[in-house]
């Protein structure tokens, strides 16, 4: 599985990178050969009403793309 991690308007923390790798390993274990590419974007969003961060996951799967976004307190 290809993995691309991007950080926008912030410095990537080591803990975040480790968590992303842990979750990647779970995907590989449970969905081997189904997730072809995964892109994770973490963006600082201090101007948003809920503030904090926005996380975006884009996964390429056979014949489709899955997008998940979380922001504010939902990021945790």
N, C-alpha and C. Protein backbone atom coordinates (compact mmCIF):
# COMPACT_ATOMS: atom_id res chain seq x y z
N UNK A 1 0.85 -1.17 0.00
CA UNK A 1 0.00 0.00 0.00
C UNK A 1 0.89 1.23 0.00
N UNK A 2 0.64 2.11 -0.93
CA UNK A 2 1.32 3.41 -0.97
C UNK A 2 0.75 4.30 0.12
N UNK A 3 1.59 5.04 0.81
CA UNK A 3 1.15 5.96 1.84
C UNK A 3 1.83 7.30 1.63
N UNK A 4 1.02 8.35 1.63
CA UNK A 4 1.55 9.71 1.53
C UNK A 4 0.95 10.51 2.68
N UNK A 5 1.81 11.17 3.44
CA UNK A 5 1.36 11.96 4.59
C UNK A 5 1.77 13.40 4.35
N UNK A 6 0.80 14.33 4.49
CA UNK A 6 1.06 15.75 4.30
C UNK A 6 0.67 16.51 5.56
N UNK A 7 1.43 17.54 5.89
CA UNK A 7 1.11 18.44 6.99
C UNK A 7 1.01 19.84 6.41
N UNK A 8 -0.08 20.52 6.71
CA UNK A 8 -0.28 21.88 6.21
C UNK A 8 -0.42 22.85 7.38
N UNK A 9 0.33 23.92 7.32
CA UNK A 9 0.29 24.98 8.33
C UNK A 9 0.72 24.50 9.71
N UNK A 10 1.52 23.42 9.77
CA UNK A 10 1.99 22.92 11.06
C UNK A 10 3.17 21.99 10.83
N UNK A 11 3.88 21.69 11.91
CA UNK A 11 4.97 20.71 11.87
C UNK A 11 4.42 19.37 12.33
N UNK A 12 4.75 18.31 11.59
CA UNK A 12 4.27 16.97 11.91
C UNK A 12 4.92 16.50 13.21
N UNK A 13 4.10 16.06 14.14
CA UNK A 13 4.61 15.53 15.42
C UNK A 13 4.95 14.06 15.25
N UNK A 14 5.97 13.60 15.97
CA UNK A 14 6.37 12.19 15.90
C UNK A 14 5.24 11.26 16.31
N UNK A 15 4.49 11.63 17.32
CA UNK A 15 3.36 10.82 17.78
C UNK A 15 2.31 10.63 16.71
N UNK A 16 2.07 11.68 15.92
CA UNK A 16 1.08 11.58 14.83
C UNK A 16 1.56 10.60 13.78
N UNK A 17 2.84 10.71 13.41
CA UNK A 17 3.40 9.83 12.39
C UNK A 17 3.32 8.37 12.86
N UNK A 18 3.62 8.13 14.13
CA UNK A 18 3.55 6.78 14.68
C UNK A 18 2.13 6.24 14.64
N UNK A 19 1.15 7.08 15.00
CA UNK A 19 -0.26 6.67 14.98
C UNK A 19 -0.70 6.34 13.55
N UNK A 20 -0.30 7.14 12.60
CA UNK A 20 -0.64 6.89 11.20
C UNK A 20 -0.06 5.55 10.76
N UNK A 21 1.16 5.27 11.13
CA UNK A 21 1.79 3.99 10.78
C UNK A 21 1.06 2.81 11.43
N UNK A 22 0.64 2.97 12.69
CA UNK A 22 -0.11 1.92 13.37
C UNK A 22 -1.42 1.63 12.64
N UNK A 23 -2.13 2.68 12.26
CA UNK A 23 -3.41 2.51 11.57
C UNK A 23 -3.20 1.91 10.18
N UNK A 24 -2.11 2.27 9.54
CA UNK A 24 -1.77 1.70 8.23
C UNK A 24 -1.58 0.19 8.36
N UNK A 25 -0.87 -0.23 9.40
CA UNK A 25 -0.63 -1.66 9.62
C UNK A 25 -1.94 -2.41 9.84
N UNK A 26 -2.89 -1.78 10.55
CA UNK A 26 -4.20 -2.40 10.76
C UNK A 26 -4.93 -2.58 9.43
N UNK A 27 -4.88 -1.54 8.58
CA UNK A 27 -5.52 -1.64 7.27
C UNK A 27 -4.91 -2.77 6.45
N UNK A 28 -3.60 -2.88 6.47
CA UNK A 28 -2.93 -3.93 5.71
C UNK A 28 -3.34 -5.30 6.25
N UNK A 29 -3.40 -5.43 7.56
CA UNK A 29 -3.76 -6.71 8.18
C UNK A 29 -5.18 -7.14 7.83
N UNK A 30 -6.12 -6.19 7.88
CA UNK A 30 -7.53 -6.53 7.70
C UNK A 30 -8.02 -6.43 6.25
N UNK A 31 -7.38 -5.59 5.47
CA UNK A 31 -7.85 -5.34 4.10
C UNK A 31 -6.71 -5.46 3.10
N UNK A 32 -5.89 -6.48 3.25
CA UNK A 32 -4.75 -6.68 2.35
C UNK A 32 -5.21 -6.69 0.90
N UNK A 33 -4.50 -5.96 0.07
CA UNK A 33 -4.76 -5.85 -1.37
C UNK A 33 -6.06 -5.12 -1.73
N UNK A 34 -6.78 -4.59 -0.76
CA UNK A 34 -7.98 -3.81 -1.08
C UNK A 34 -7.70 -2.32 -1.08
N UNK A 35 -6.84 -1.84 -0.18
CA UNK A 35 -6.47 -0.43 -0.16
C UNK A 35 -5.17 -0.31 -0.95
N UNK A 36 -5.25 0.37 -2.09
CA UNK A 36 -4.10 0.48 -2.98
C UNK A 36 -3.22 1.67 -2.64
N UNK A 37 -3.85 2.77 -2.26
CA UNK A 37 -3.12 4.01 -1.97
C UNK A 37 -3.86 4.74 -0.86
N UNK A 38 -3.12 5.33 0.06
CA UNK A 38 -3.71 6.08 1.16
C UNK A 38 -2.99 7.41 1.29
N UNK A 39 -3.75 8.49 1.32
CA UNK A 39 -3.18 9.82 1.53
C UNK A 39 -3.81 10.41 2.79
N UNK A 40 -2.96 10.86 3.70
CA UNK A 40 -3.40 11.46 4.96
C UNK A 40 -2.93 12.90 4.97
N UNK A 41 -3.86 13.82 5.21
CA UNK A 41 -3.52 15.24 5.29
C UNK A 41 -3.96 15.76 6.65
N UNK A 42 -3.03 16.38 7.38
CA UNK A 42 -3.33 17.01 8.65
C UNK A 42 -3.10 18.50 8.47
N UNK A 43 -4.13 19.28 8.80
CA UNK A 43 -4.06 20.72 8.59
C UNK A 43 -4.47 21.46 9.85
N UNK A 44 -3.68 22.46 10.23
CA UNK A 44 -4.05 23.33 11.35
C UNK A 44 -5.16 24.26 10.88
N UNK A 45 -6.22 24.36 11.67
CA UNK A 45 -7.38 25.17 11.29
C UNK A 45 -7.79 26.11 12.43
N UNK A 46 -6.91 27.02 12.85
CA UNK A 46 -7.24 27.88 13.98
C UNK A 46 -8.38 28.84 13.68
N UNK A 47 -8.65 29.14 12.42
CA UNK A 47 -9.71 30.07 12.07
C UNK A 47 -11.09 29.45 12.01
N UNK A 48 -11.19 28.13 12.03
CA UNK A 48 -12.49 27.46 11.99
C UNK A 48 -13.24 27.68 13.29
N UNK A 49 -14.53 27.59 13.22
CA UNK A 49 -15.37 27.76 14.40
C UNK A 49 -14.96 26.79 15.51
N UNK A 50 -14.71 25.52 15.13
CA UNK A 50 -14.34 24.51 16.12
C UNK A 50 -12.84 24.52 16.40
N UNK A 51 -12.05 25.20 15.55
CA UNK A 51 -10.61 25.31 15.77
C UNK A 51 -9.88 23.98 15.73
N UNK A 52 -8.59 24.01 16.02
CA UNK A 52 -7.82 22.78 16.10
C UNK A 52 -7.27 22.31 14.78
N UNK A 53 -7.64 21.09 14.40
CA UNK A 53 -7.07 20.45 13.22
C UNK A 53 -8.15 19.83 12.35
N UNK A 54 -7.81 19.66 11.09
CA UNK A 54 -8.66 18.91 10.17
C UNK A 54 -7.82 17.76 9.62
N UNK A 55 -8.38 16.55 9.67
CA UNK A 55 -7.73 15.36 9.16
C UNK A 55 -8.53 14.88 7.95
N UNK A 56 -7.83 14.61 6.88
CA UNK A 56 -8.46 14.10 5.67
C UNK A 56 -7.76 12.81 5.25
N UNK A 57 -8.53 11.75 5.04
CA UNK A 57 -8.00 10.48 4.56
C UNK A 57 -8.62 10.18 3.21
N UNK A 58 -7.79 9.89 2.24
CA UNK A 58 -8.27 9.53 0.90
C UNK A 58 -7.65 8.18 0.58
N UNK A 59 -8.50 7.18 0.39
CA UNK A 59 -8.03 5.83 0.10
C UNK A 59 -8.51 5.40 -1.28
N UNK A 60 -7.58 4.90 -2.07
CA UNK A 60 -7.94 4.33 -3.37
C UNK A 60 -8.15 2.84 -3.17
N UNK A 61 -9.33 2.39 -3.56
CA UNK A 61 -9.67 0.98 -3.49
C UNK A 61 -10.07 0.55 -4.90
N UNK A 62 -10.10 -0.74 -5.19
CA UNK A 62 -10.46 -1.15 -6.55
C UNK A 62 -11.78 -0.52 -7.02
N UNK A 63 -11.70 0.20 -8.12
CA UNK A 63 -12.86 0.82 -8.78
C UNK A 63 -13.54 1.94 -7.99
N UNK A 64 -12.87 2.50 -6.96
CA UNK A 64 -13.51 3.56 -6.20
C UNK A 64 -12.47 4.32 -5.35
N UNK A 65 -12.92 5.41 -4.75
CA UNK A 65 -12.11 6.21 -3.83
C UNK A 65 -12.96 6.49 -2.60
N UNK A 66 -12.37 6.35 -1.42
CA UNK A 66 -13.07 6.59 -0.17
C UNK A 66 -12.42 7.81 0.49
N UNK A 67 -13.26 8.77 0.92
CA UNK A 67 -12.77 9.99 1.55
C UNK A 67 -13.42 10.12 2.93
N UNK A 68 -12.59 10.37 3.95
CA UNK A 68 -13.08 10.58 5.31
C UNK A 68 -12.43 11.85 5.83
N UNK A 69 -13.26 12.74 6.41
CA UNK A 69 -12.74 13.98 6.99
C UNK A 69 -13.26 14.13 8.41
N UNK A 70 -12.39 14.61 9.27
CA UNK A 70 -12.76 14.91 10.65
C UNK A 70 -12.11 16.23 11.03
N UNK A 71 -12.76 16.99 11.92
CA UNK A 71 -12.19 18.26 12.34
C UNK A 71 -12.63 18.55 13.77
N UNK A 72 -11.98 19.53 14.36
CA UNK A 72 -12.29 19.93 15.74
C UNK A 72 -12.10 18.79 16.71
N UNK A 73 -13.04 18.59 17.60
CA UNK A 73 -12.94 17.55 18.63
C UNK A 73 -13.08 16.15 18.03
N UNK A 74 -13.64 16.01 16.85
CA UNK A 74 -13.81 14.70 16.22
C UNK A 74 -12.48 14.09 15.79
N UNK A 75 -11.42 14.87 15.74
CA UNK A 75 -10.11 14.40 15.32
C UNK A 75 -9.59 13.37 16.30
N UNK A 76 -9.82 13.52 17.55
CA UNK A 76 -9.27 12.61 18.56
C UNK A 76 -9.81 11.22 18.36
